Amino acid sequence: MLIERDLRALVGADARRVARTALAEDGERDITTEVSVTADQVATGVLEFRTGGVVAGMPYADAVASACDLPPVTWYHASGAVVPAGSTLGLLRGDLGRILRAERVILNLLQRATGIANLTRRYVDAVRGTHTRILHTRKTAPGLRLLDVTSVIAGGGHLHRLGLATTVMVKDNHWRALERGGRTLAQALQQARASEVVDCFVEVESRAQLEEACAAGATRLLVDNQAPATVLEWGRLARSLAPGIEIEATGGITLENIRAFAEAEADYISIGALTHSVIAADVSLEIGR
């Protein structure tokens, strides 16, 4: 599995890809700017964080600026910083027409990123004082996974699997596939380890599945859609059967009940809502007079 340091190395290329794709959606011309902006107007765009909170998404904004032949944004805050409502995030200087072309795409990306980071921080704060770590899922916007994931990390969350190629994660339909094919979980995990896969995660929905997963060599159990008392009971059982195994609680977890899952000794809690139900933060770009 990638670690967060490795993830940062991927962001630059991904940000450039996202910038190109997003700008292409607007077409080759900005007719409104052509008829309203005279040539060679230089301006400063002020990025204002009206709602305040956790800052995220800056590499993607910089990539959009670059794709529009503008200098990088002058940022006043680092990723993950918490700033009050009404703060200036940064300044975008250059040709006014180019700023206007970049404006909506920059705002779309920053608003989504900061919204994810702020929601993540609320979950992180809710488990503060426990050893539990908050994780994203693969329930991300198509084409924006790295933006979404780095925003979760900016909010204090941690990296889960980014894709399908490096980590085994046996879920309910995989259990059914094994049964249909006449194979055991142990055989599947043995095959994975033979191909140098280290992380073998298994979702369990019963004690029988838990015991089979521990015997098969799972490195982490995903306890899905269970009450905190069950997470506690199953976690202790799993650790007695396979010392060192990790426990991840998932499914049906909200801000109102997450503390109970953390106190049930879950090592990790994964939450799809961090990225699939994000509410965009209020970030604006105002042209200085």
C-alpha atoms as a PDB file:
ATOM      1  CA  MET A   1       0.000   0.000   0.000  1.00  0.00           C
ATOM      2  CA  LEU A   2       1.131   3.554  -0.695  1.00  0.00           C
ATOM      3  CA  ILE A   3       2.086   5.705   2.244  1.00  0.00           C
ATOM      4  CA  GLU A   4       1.173   9.357   2.468  1.00  0.00           C
ATOM      5  CA  ARG A   5       4.679  10.505   1.510  1.00  0.00           C
ATOM      6  CA  ASP A   6       4.422   8.532  -1.745  1.00  0.00           C
ATOM      7  CA  LEU A   7       1.005  10.019  -2.439  1.00  0.00           C
ATOM      8  CA  ARG A   8       2.394  13.547  -2.513  1.00  0.00           C
ATOM      9  CA  ALA A   9       4.705  12.570  -5.374  1.00  0.00           C
ATOM     10  CA  LEU A  10       1.671  11.633  -7.508  1.00  0.00           C
ATOM     11  CA  VAL A  11      -0.284  14.818  -6.964  1.00  0.00           C
ATOM     12  CA  GLY A  12       1.597  17.113  -9.360  1.00  0.00           C
ATOM     13  CA  ALA A  13       0.898  15.042 -12.467  1.00  0.00           C
ATOM     14  CA  ASP A  14      -2.651  14.339 -11.366  1.00  0.00           C
ATOM     15  CA  ALA A  15      -3.338  18.025 -10.757  1.00  0.00           C
ATOM     16  CA  ARG A  16      -2.163  18.865 -14.277  1.00  0.00           C
ATOM     17  CA  ARG A  17      -4.417  16.138 -15.704  1.00  0.00           C
ATOM     18  CA  VAL A  18      -7.437  17.400 -13.772  1.00  0.00           C
ATOM     19  CA  ALA A  19      -6.748  20.992 -14.800  1.00  0.00           C
ATOM     20  CA  ARG A  20      -6.596  20.083 -18.492  1.00  0.00           C
ATOM     21  CA  THR A  21      -9.790  18.036 -18.314  1.00  0.00           C
ATOM     22  CA  ALA A  22     -11.746  20.633 -16.358  1.00  0.00           C
ATOM     23  CA  LEU A  23     -10.703  23.526 -18.585  1.00  0.00           C
ATOM     24  CA  ALA A  24     -11.543  21.531 -21.707  1.00  0.00           C
ATOM     25  CA  GLU A  25     -15.123  21.216 -20.480  1.00  0.00           C
ATOM     26  CA  ASP A  26     -15.474  24.986 -20.911  1.00  0.00           C
ATOM     27  CA  GLY A  27     -14.473  24.857 -24.557  1.00  0.00           C
ATOM     28  CA  GLU A  28     -11.714  26.582 -26.495  1.00  0.00           C
ATOM     29  CA  ARG A  29     -13.062  30.130 -26.176  1.00  0.00           C
ATOM     30  CA  ASP A  30     -14.424  32.333 -23.420  1.00  0.00           C
ATOM     31  CA  ILE A  31     -16.707  34.519 -25.485  1.00  0.00           C
ATOM     32  CA  THR A  32     -17.946  36.577 -22.538  1.00  0.00           C
ATOM     33  CA  THR A  33     -14.408  37.560 -21.620  1.00  0.00           C
ATOM     34  CA  GLU A  34     -13.606  38.342 -25.253  1.00  0.00           C
ATOM     35  CA  VAL A  35     -16.397  40.916 -25.420  1.00  0.00           C
ATOM     36  CA  SER A  36     -15.936  42.414 -21.963  1.00  0.00           C
ATOM     37  CA  VAL A  37     -12.194  42.540 -21.269  1.00  0.00           C
ATOM     38  CA  THR A  38      -9.827  44.718 -23.234  1.00  0.00           C
ATOM     39  CA  ALA A  39      -6.418  43.333 -24.087  1.00  0.00           C
ATOM     40  CA  ASP A  40      -3.487  43.540 -21.693  1.00  0.00           C
ATOM     41  CA  GLN A  41      -5.492  44.184 -18.547  1.00  0.00           C
ATOM     42  CA  VAL A  42      -3.515  42.981 -15.532  1.00  0.00           C
ATOM     43  CA  ALA A  43      -5.423  42.213 -12.339  1.00  0.00           C
ATOM     44  CA  THR A  44      -5.269  40.541  -8.935  1.00  0.00           C
ATOM     45  CA  GLY A  45      -7.831  37.938  -7.932  1.00  0.00           C
ATOM     46  CA  VAL A  46      -8.334  37.545  -4.191  1.00  0.00           C
ATOM     47  CA  LEU A  47      -9.314  34.054  -3.063  1.00  0.00           C
ATOM     48  CA  GLU A  48     -11.541  34.460  -0.019  1.00  0.00           C
ATOM     49  CA  PHE A  49     -12.514  31.594   2.311  1.00  0.00           C
ATOM     50  CA  ARG A  50     -15.895  32.869   3.414  1.00  0.00           C
ATOM     51  CA  THR A  51     -16.884  29.923   5.600  1.00  0.00           C
ATOM     52  CA  GLY A  52     -13.420  29.312   7.023  1.00  0.00           C
ATOM     53  CA  GLY A  53     -12.026  26.006   8.184  1.00  0.00           C
ATOM     54  CA  VAL A  54      -9.365  23.609   6.897  1.00  0.00           C
ATOM     55  CA  VAL A  55      -7.409  24.610   3.795  1.00  0.00           C
ATOM     56  CA  ALA A  56      -6.964  22.023   0.999  1.00  0.00           C
ATOM     57  CA  GLY A  57      -6.650  21.641  -2.765  1.00  0.00           C
ATOM     58  CA  MET A  58      -3.921  24.183  -3.494  1.00  0.00           C
ATOM     59  CA  PRO A  59      -1.827  22.056  -5.937  1.00  0.00           C
ATOM     60  CA  TYR A  60      -4.931  21.668  -8.102  1.00  0.00           C
ATOM     61  CA  ALA A  61      -5.606  25.404  -8.116  1.00  0.00           C
ATOM     62  CA  ASP A  62      -1.977  26.052  -9.059  1.00  0.00           C
ATOM     63  CA  ALA A  63      -2.241  23.547 -11.911  1.00  0.00           C
ATOM     64  CA  VAL A  64      -5.276  25.369 -13.307  1.00  0.00           C
ATOM     65  CA  ALA A  65      -3.437  28.690 -13.088  1.00  0.00           C
ATOM     66  CA  SER A  66      -0.465  27.195 -14.927  1.00  0.00           C
ATOM     67  CA  ALA A  67      -2.703  25.712 -17.635  1.00  0.00           C
ATOM     68  CA  CYS A  68      -4.088  29.226 -18.174  1.00  0.00           C
ATOM     69  CA  ASP A  69      -0.552  30.687 -18.437  1.00  0.00           C
ATOM     70  CA  LEU A  70      -0.794  32.380 -15.067  1.00  0.00           C
ATOM     71  CA  PRO A  71       1.762  32.383 -12.237  1.00  0.00           C
ATOM     72  CA  PRO A  72       1.096  30.097  -9.257  1.00  0.00           C
ATOM     73  CA  VAL A  73      -1.233  31.441  -6.596  1.00  0.00           C
ATOM     74  CA  THR A  74       0.475  33.286  -3.750  1.00  0.00           C
ATOM     75  CA  TRP A  75      -0.850  31.243  -0.837  1.00  0.00           C
ATOM     76  CA  TYR A  76      -1.165  32.670   2.658  1.00  0.00           C
ATOM     77  CA  HIS A  77      -1.797  29.324   4.380  1.00  0.00           C
ATOM     78  CA  ALA A  78      -0.462  25.773   4.159  1.00  0.00           C
ATOM     79  CA  SER A  79      -2.533  22.686   3.414  1.00  0.00           C
ATOM     80  CA  GLY A  80      -4.264  21.492   6.561  1.00  0.00           C
ATOM     81  CA  ALA A  81      -4.184  24.885   8.256  1.00  0.00           C
ATOM     82  CA  VAL A  82      -7.346  26.030  10.011  1.00  0.00           C
ATOM     83  CA  VAL A  83      -8.294  29.611   9.166  1.00  0.00           C
ATOM     84  CA  PRO A  84     -11.186  31.785  10.334  1.00  0.00           C
ATOM     85  CA  ALA A  85     -14.160  32.737   8.184  1.00  0.00           C
ATOM     86  CA  GLY A  86     -13.449  35.611   5.836  1.00  0.00           C
ATOM     87  CA  SER A  87      -9.741  34.828   5.521  1.00  0.00           C
ATOM     88  CA  THR A  88      -7.810  35.446   2.338  1.00  0.00           C
ATOM     89  CA  LEU A  89      -6.438  32.137   1.090  1.00  0.00           C
ATOM     90  CA  GLY A  90      -4.208  33.630  -1.572  1.00  0.00           C
ATOM     91  CA  LEU A  91      -3.763  35.983  -4.508  1.00  0.00           C
ATOM     92  CA  LEU A  92      -3.835  35.187  -8.229  1.00  0.00           C
ATOM     93  CA  ARG A  93      -2.094  37.831 -10.338  1.00  0.00           C
ATOM     94  CA  GLY A  94      -1.835  38.190 -14.097  1.00  0.00           C
ATOM     95  CA  ASP A  95      -3.800  38.778 -17.285  1.00  0.00           C
ATOM     96  CA  LEU A  96      -7.438  39.468 -16.378  1.00  0.00           C
ATOM     97  CA  GLY A  97      -8.873  37.404 -19.210  1.00  0.00           C
ATOM     98  CA  ARG A  98      -6.839  34.399 -18.147  1.00  0.00           C
ATOM     99  CA  ILE A  99      -7.885  34.837 -14.514  1.00  0.00           C
ATOM    100  CA  LEU A 100     -11.535  34.855 -15.555  1.00  0.00           C
ATOM    101  CA  ARG A 101     -11.044  31.677 -17.592  1.00  0.00           C
ATOM    102  CA  ALA A 102      -9.416  29.958 -14.614  1.00  0.00           C
ATOM    103  CA  GLU A 103     -11.824  31.307 -11.980  1.00  0.00           C
ATOM    104  CA  ARG A 104     -14.651  28.750 -11.996  1.00  0.00           C
ATOM    105  CA  VAL A 105     -12.406  25.722 -12.300  1.00  0.00           C
ATOM    106  CA  ILE A 106     -10.161  26.890  -9.456  1.00  0.00           C
ATOM    107  CA  LEU A 107     -13.181  27.564  -7.263  1.00  0.00           C
ATOM    108  CA  ASN A 108     -14.840  24.225  -8.062  1.00  0.00           C
ATOM    109  CA  LEU A 109     -11.716  22.350  -7.000  1.00  0.00           C
ATOM    110  CA  LEU A 110     -11.010  24.443  -3.901  1.00  0.00           C
ATOM    111  CA  GLN A 111     -14.627  24.332  -2.753  1.00  0.00           C
ATOM    112  CA  ARG A 112     -14.765  20.541  -3.019  1.00  0.00           C
ATOM    113  CA  ALA A 113     -11.350  20.040  -1.428  1.00  0.00           C
ATOM    114  CA  THR A 114     -11.982  22.330   1.517  1.00  0.00           C
ATOM    115  CA  GLY A 115     -15.439  20.858   2.038  1.00  0.00           C
ATOM    116  CA  ILE A 116     -13.946  17.367   2.302  1.00  0.00           C
ATOM    117  CA  ALA A 117     -11.150  18.561   4.589  1.00  0.00           C
ATOM    118  CA  ASN A 118     -13.594  20.302   6.920  1.00  0.00           C
ATOM    119  CA  LEU A 119     -15.911  17.301   7.212  1.00  0.00           C
ATOM    120  CA  THR A 120     -12.930  15.031   7.828  1.00  0.00           C
ATOM    121  CA  ARG A 121     -11.696  17.297  10.613  1.00  0.00           C
ATOM    122  CA  ARG A 122     -15.058  16.998  12.347  1.00  0.00           C
ATOM    123  CA  TYR A 123     -14.740  13.214  12.378  1.00  0.00           C
ATOM    124  CA  VAL A 124     -11.119  13.406  13.512  1.00  0.00           C
ATOM    125  CA  ASP A 125     -12.094  15.734  16.353  1.00  0.00           C
ATOM    126  CA  ALA A 126     -14.887  13.353  17.359  1.00  0.00           C
ATOM    127  CA  VAL A 127     -12.391  10.531  18.071  1.00  0.00           C
ATOM    128  CA  ARG A 128      -9.643  12.692  19.525  1.00  0.00           C
ATOM    129  CA  GLY A 129      -7.958  11.083  22.528  1.00  0.00           C
ATOM    130  CA  THR A 130      -8.399   7.558  21.173  1.00  0.00           C
ATOM    131  CA  HIS A 131      -5.954   5.608  18.993  1.00  0.00           C
ATOM    132  CA  THR A 132      -8.472   5.346  16.128  1.00  0.00           C
ATOM    133  CA  ARG A 133      -7.568   6.729  12.702  1.00  0.00           C
ATOM    134  CA  ILE A 134     -10.115   8.031  10.198  1.00  0.00           C
ATOM    135  CA  LEU A 135      -9.895   6.671   6.639  1.00  0.00           C
ATOM    136  CA  HIS A 136     -11.392   7.567   3.281  1.00  0.00           C
ATOM    137  CA  THR A 137     -12.947   4.960   0.970  1.00  0.00           C
ATOM    138  CA  ARG A 138     -13.058   4.530  -2.812  1.00  0.00           C
ATOM    139  CA  LYS A 139     -16.401   6.361  -2.877  1.00  0.00           C
ATOM    140  CA  THR A 140     -14.754   9.338  -4.557  1.00  0.00           C
ATOM    141  CA  ALA A 141     -15.801  11.481  -7.512  1.00  0.00           C
ATOM    142  CA  PRO A 142     -14.742   9.768 -10.761  1.00  0.00           C
ATOM    143  CA  GLY A 143     -11.505  11.299 -11.989  1.00  0.00           C
ATOM    144  CA  LEU A 144     -10.920  13.206  -8.744  1.00  0.00           C
ATOM    145  CA  ARG A 145      -9.703  10.469  -6.412  1.00  0.00           C
ATOM    146  CA  LEU A 146      -6.355  12.039  -5.544  1.00  0.00           C
ATOM    147  CA  LEU A 147      -7.959  15.436  -4.963  1.00  0.00           C
ATOM    148  CA  ASP A 148     -10.501  13.807  -2.643  1.00  0.00           C
ATOM    149  CA  VAL A 149      -7.957  11.670  -0.809  1.00  0.00           C
ATOM    150  CA  THR A 150      -5.421  14.448  -0.277  1.00  0.00           C
ATOM    151  CA  SER A 151      -8.255  16.591   1.078  1.00  0.00           C
ATOM    152  CA  VAL A 152      -9.113  13.883   3.607  1.00  0.00           C
ATOM    153  CA  ILE A 153      -5.461  13.827   4.643  1.00  0.00           C
ATOM    154  CA  ALA A 154      -5.426  17.640   4.951  1.00  0.00           C
ATOM    155  CA  GLY A 155      -8.358  17.273   7.340  1.00  0.00           C
ATOM    156  CA  GLY A 156      -6.396  14.871   9.543  1.00  0.00           C
ATOM    157  CA  GLY A 157      -7.572  11.592   8.015  1.00  0.00           C
ATOM    158  CA  HIS A 158      -5.329   8.834   6.727  1.00  0.00           C
ATOM    159  CA  LEU A 159      -4.689   6.889   3.552  1.00  0.00           C
ATOM    160  CA  HIS A 160      -6.688   3.751   2.733  1.00  0.00           C
ATOM    161  CA  ARG A 161      -6.233   1.867  -0.537  1.00  0.00           C
ATOM    162  CA  LEU A 162      -6.277   4.103  -3.601  1.00  0.00           C
ATOM    163  CA  GLY A 163      -7.068   1.435  -6.167  1.00  0.00           C
ATOM    164  CA  LEU A 164      -7.455  -2.260  -6.799  1.00  0.00           C
ATOM    165  CA  ALA A 165      -3.909  -3.202  -7.819  1.00  0.00           C
ATOM    166  CA  THR A 166      -1.983  -3.375  -4.545  1.00  0.00           C
ATOM    167  CA  THR A 167      -4.274  -4.382  -1.684  1.00  0.00           C
ATOM    168  CA  VAL A 168      -6.549  -7.389  -1.343  1.00  0.00           C
ATOM    169  CA  MET A 169      -9.940  -6.455   0.089  1.00  0.00           C
ATOM    170  CA  VAL A 170     -12.354  -9.384   0.197  1.00  0.00           C
ATOM    171  CA  LYS A 171     -15.910  -8.097   0.571  1.00  0.00           C
ATOM    172  CA  ASP A 172     -19.326  -9.740   0.506  1.00  0.00           C
ATOM    173  CA  ASN A 173     -19.421 -10.377  -3.239  1.00  0.00           C
ATOM    174  CA  HIS A 174     -15.908 -11.812  -3.153  1.00  0.00           C
ATOM    175  CA  TRP A 175     -17.004 -14.228  -0.428  1.00  0.00           C
ATOM    176  CA  ARG A 176     -19.830 -15.295  -2.750  1.00  0.00           C
ATOM    177  CA  ALA A 177     -17.434 -15.606  -5.678  1.00  0.00           C
ATOM    178  CA  LEU A 178     -15.145 -17.871  -3.648  1.00  0.00           C
ATOM    179  CA  GLU A 179     -18.085 -20.058  -2.684  1.00  0.00           C
ATOM    180  CA  ARG A 180     -19.343 -20.248  -6.278  1.00  0.00           C
ATOM    181  CA  GLY A 181     -15.864 -21.189  -7.489  1.00  0.00           C
ATOM    182  CA  GLY A 182     -15.298 -23.814  -4.834  1.00  0.00           C
ATOM    183  CA  ARG A 183     -12.299 -21.986  -3.383  1.00  0.00           C
ATOM    184  CA  THR A 184     -11.471 -21.061   0.198  1.00  0.00           C
ATOM    185  CA  LEU A 185     -10.423 -17.719   1.590  1.00  0.00           C
ATOM    186  CA  ALA A 186      -7.131 -19.297   2.644  1.00  0.00           C
ATOM    187  CA  GLN A 187      -6.405 -20.271  -0.952  1.00  0.00           C
ATOM    188  CA  ALA A 188      -7.191 -16.757  -2.161  1.00  0.00           C
ATOM    189  CA  LEU A 189      -4.937 -15.072   0.388  1.00  0.00           C
ATOM    190  CA  GLN A 190      -2.164 -17.582  -0.240  1.00  0.00           C
ATOM    191  CA  GLN A 191      -2.315 -16.726  -3.934  1.00  0.00           C
ATOM    192  CA  ALA A 192      -2.169 -13.016  -3.098  1.00  0.00           C
ATOM    193  CA  ARG A 193       0.885 -13.433  -0.882  1.00  0.00           C
ATOM    194  CA  ALA A 194       2.581 -15.502  -3.597  1.00  0.00           C
ATOM    195  CA  SER A 195       2.301 -12.427  -5.840  1.00  0.00           C
ATOM    196  CA  GLU A 196       3.938 -10.294  -3.112  1.00  0.00           C
ATOM    197  CA  VAL A 197       0.761  -8.637  -1.856  1.00  0.00           C
ATOM    198  CA  VAL A 198       1.292  -7.645   1.773  1.00  0.00           C
ATOM    199  CA  ASP A 199      -2.048  -6.106   2.769  1.00  0.00           C
ATOM    200  CA  CYS A 200      -4.854  -8.669   2.933  1.00  0.00           C
ATOM    201  CA  PHE A 201      -8.061  -7.066   4.211  1.00  0.00           C
ATOM    202  CA  VAL A 202     -11.213  -9.098   4.718  1.00  0.00           C
ATOM    203  CA  GLU A 203     -14.718  -7.816   5.421  1.00  0.00           C
ATOM    204  CA  VAL A 204     -16.565  -9.977   7.931  1.00  0.00           C
ATOM    205  CA  GLU A 205     -20.259 -10.084   8.753  1.00  0.00           C
ATOM    206  CA  SER A 206     -20.302 -13.062  11.150  1.00  0.00           C
ATOM    207  CA  ARG A 207     -18.145 -14.780  13.745  1.00  0.00           C
ATOM    208  CA  ALA A 208     -17.667 -17.686  11.343  1.00  0.00           C
ATOM    209  CA  GLN A 209     -16.224 -15.373   8.699  1.00  0.00           C
ATOM    210  CA  LEU A 210     -14.065 -13.720  11.342  1.00  0.00           C
ATOM    211  CA  GLU A 211     -12.585 -17.031  12.458  1.00  0.00           C
ATOM    212  CA  GLU A 212     -11.978 -18.110   8.855  1.00  0.00           C
ATOM    213  CA  ALA A 213     -10.296 -14.799   8.027  1.00  0.00           C
ATOM    214  CA  CYS A 214      -7.991 -15.005  11.044  1.00  0.00           C
ATOM    215  CA  ALA A 215      -7.030 -18.575  10.161  1.00  0.00           C
ATOM    216  CA  ALA A 216      -6.427 -17.609   6.516  1.00  0.00           C
ATOM    217  CA  GLY A 217      -3.911 -14.896   7.433  1.00  0.00           C
ATOM    218  CA  ALA A 218      -5.889 -11.693   6.975  1.00  0.00           C
ATOM    219  CA  THR A 219      -3.934  -8.640   8.099  1.00  0.00           C
ATOM    220  CA  ARG A 220      -7.035  -6.498   8.755  1.00  0.00           C
ATOM    221  CA  LEU A 221     -10.687  -7.240   9.406  1.00  0.00           C
ATOM    222  CA  LEU A 222     -13.372  -4.844   8.214  1.00  0.00           C
ATOM    223  CA  VAL A 223     -16.257  -5.227  10.636  1.00  0.00           C
ATOM    224  CA  ASP A 224     -19.141  -4.076   8.495  1.00  0.00           C
ATOM    225  CA  ASN A 225     -22.480  -2.682   9.681  1.00  0.00           C
ATOM    226  CA  GLN A 226     -22.193  -3.900  13.264  1.00  0.00           C
ATOM    227  CA  ALA A 227     -22.918  -2.200  16.563  1.00  0.00           C
ATOM    228  CA  PRO A 228     -20.004  -0.869  18.635  1.00  0.00           C
ATOM    229  CA  ALA A 229     -20.466  -3.683  21.172  1.00  0.00           C
ATOM    230  CA  THR A 230     -20.007  -6.216  18.379  1.00  0.00           C
ATOM    231  CA  VAL A 231     -16.919  -4.397  17.075  1.00  0.00           C
ATOM    232  CA  LEU A 232     -15.439  -4.611  20.567  1.00  0.00           C
ATOM    233  CA  GLU A 233     -16.301  -8.293  21.003  1.00  0.00           C
ATOM    234  CA  TRP A 234     -15.150  -9.365  17.546  1.00  0.00           C
ATOM    235  CA  GLY A 235     -12.009  -7.256  17.752  1.00  0.00           C
ATOM    236  CA  ARG A 236     -10.926  -8.884  20.976  1.00  0.00           C
ATOM    237  CA  LEU A 237     -11.693 -12.335  19.589  1.00  0.00           C
ATOM    238  CA  ALA A 238      -9.733 -11.627  16.402  1.00  0.00           C
ATOM    239  CA  ARG A 239      -6.720 -10.350  18.308  1.00  0.00           C
ATOM    240  CA  SER A 240      -6.726 -13.484  20.449  1.00  0.00           C
ATOM    241  CA  LEU A 241      -6.779 -15.664  17.329  1.00  0.00           C
ATOM    242  CA  ALA A 242      -4.337 -13.580  15.276  1.00  0.00           C
ATOM    243  CA  PRO A 243      -2.210 -11.243  17.405  1.00  0.00           C
ATOM    244  CA  GLY A 244      -1.366  -8.055  15.556  1.00  0.00           C
ATOM    245  CA  ILE A 245      -4.396  -8.142  13.265  1.00  0.00           C
ATOM    246  CA  GLU A 246      -5.977  -4.732  12.657  1.00  0.00           C
ATOM    247  CA  ILE A 247      -9.642  -3.907  13.134  1.00  0.00           C
ATOM    248  CA  GLU A 248     -11.501  -1.476  10.901  1.00  0.00           C
ATOM    249  CA  ALA A 249     -15.094  -0.463  11.590  1.00  0.00           C
ATOM    250  CA  THR A 250     -17.150   0.510   8.574  1.00  0.00           C
ATOM    251  CA  GLY A 251     -20.771   1.026   7.553  1.00  0.00           C
ATOM    252  CA  GLY A 252     -23.449   3.125   9.219  1.00  0.00           C
ATOM    253  CA  ILE A 253     -20.998   5.375  11.065  1.00  0.00           C
ATOM    254  CA  THR A 254     -21.941   9.008  11.648  1.00  0.00           C
ATOM    255  CA  LEU A 255     -20.683  11.957  13.663  1.00  0.00           C
ATOM    256  CA  GLU A 256     -23.233  11.063  16.301  1.00  0.00           C
ATOM    257  CA  ASN A 257     -22.033   7.491  16.867  1.00  0.00           C
ATOM    258  CA  ILE A 258     -18.395   7.467  15.784  1.00  0.00           C
ATOM    259  CA  ARG A 259     -17.034   7.983  19.296  1.00  0.00           C
ATOM    260  CA  ALA A 260     -18.627   4.733  20.404  1.00  0.00           C
ATOM    261  CA  PHE A 261     -16.847   2.852  17.610  1.00  0.00           C
ATOM    262  CA  ALA A 262     -13.524   4.416  18.545  1.00  0.00           C
ATOM    263  CA  GLU A 263     -14.045   3.446  22.188  1.00  0.00           C
ATOM    264  CA  ALA A 264     -14.815  -0.088  20.939  1.00  0.00           C
ATOM    265  CA  GLU A 265     -11.091  -0.331  20.164  1.00  0.00           C
ATOM    266  CA  ALA A 266     -11.305  -0.003  16.380  1.00  0.00           C
ATOM    267  CA  ASP A 267      -7.887   0.784  14.938  1.00  0.00           C
ATOM    268  CA  TYR A 268      -9.479   2.415  11.895  1.00  0.00           C
ATOM    269  CA  ILE A 269     -12.864   3.766  10.901  1.00  0.00           C
ATOM    270  CA  SER A 270     -13.578   4.235   7.189  1.00  0.00           C
ATOM    271  CA  ILE A 271     -16.304   6.665   6.146  1.00  0.00           C
ATOM    272  CA  GLY A 272     -17.625   6.958   2.611  1.00  0.00           C
ATOM    273  CA  ALA A 273     -19.525  10.150   3.406  1.00  0.00           C
ATOM    274  CA  LEU A 274     -16.265  12.099   3.622  1.00  0.00           C
ATOM    275  CA  THR A 275     -16.149  12.126  -0.173  1.00  0.00           C
ATOM    276  CA  HIS A 276     -19.510  10.951  -1.521  1.00  0.00           C
ATOM    277  CA  SER A 277     -21.661  13.444   0.399  1.00  0.00           C
ATOM    278  CA  VAL A 278     -19.413  16.467   0.643  1.00  0.00           C
ATOM    279  CA  ILE A 279     -20.893  19.944   0.984  1.00  0.00           C
ATOM    280  CA  ALA A 280     -18.741  22.423  -0.912  1.00  0.00           C
ATOM    281  CA  ALA A 281     -17.174  25.157   1.191  1.00  0.00           C
ATOM    282  CA  ASP A 282     -17.757  28.805   0.293  1.00  0.00           C
ATOM    283  CA  VAL A 283     -14.642  30.039  -1.497  1.00  0.00           C
ATOM    284  CA  SER A 284     -14.822  33.046  -3.807  1.00  0.00           C
ATOM    285  CA  LEU A 285     -12.498  34.903  -6.164  1.00  0.00           C
ATOM    286  CA  GLU A 286     -12.880  38.666  -6.236  1.00  0.00           C
ATOM    287  CA  ILE A 287     -11.061  40.884  -8.729  1.00  0.00           C
ATOM    288  CA  GLY A 288      -9.401  43.856  -7.016  1.00  0.00           C
ATOM    289  CA  ARG A 289     -10.393  47.263  -8.240  1.00  0.00           C
END
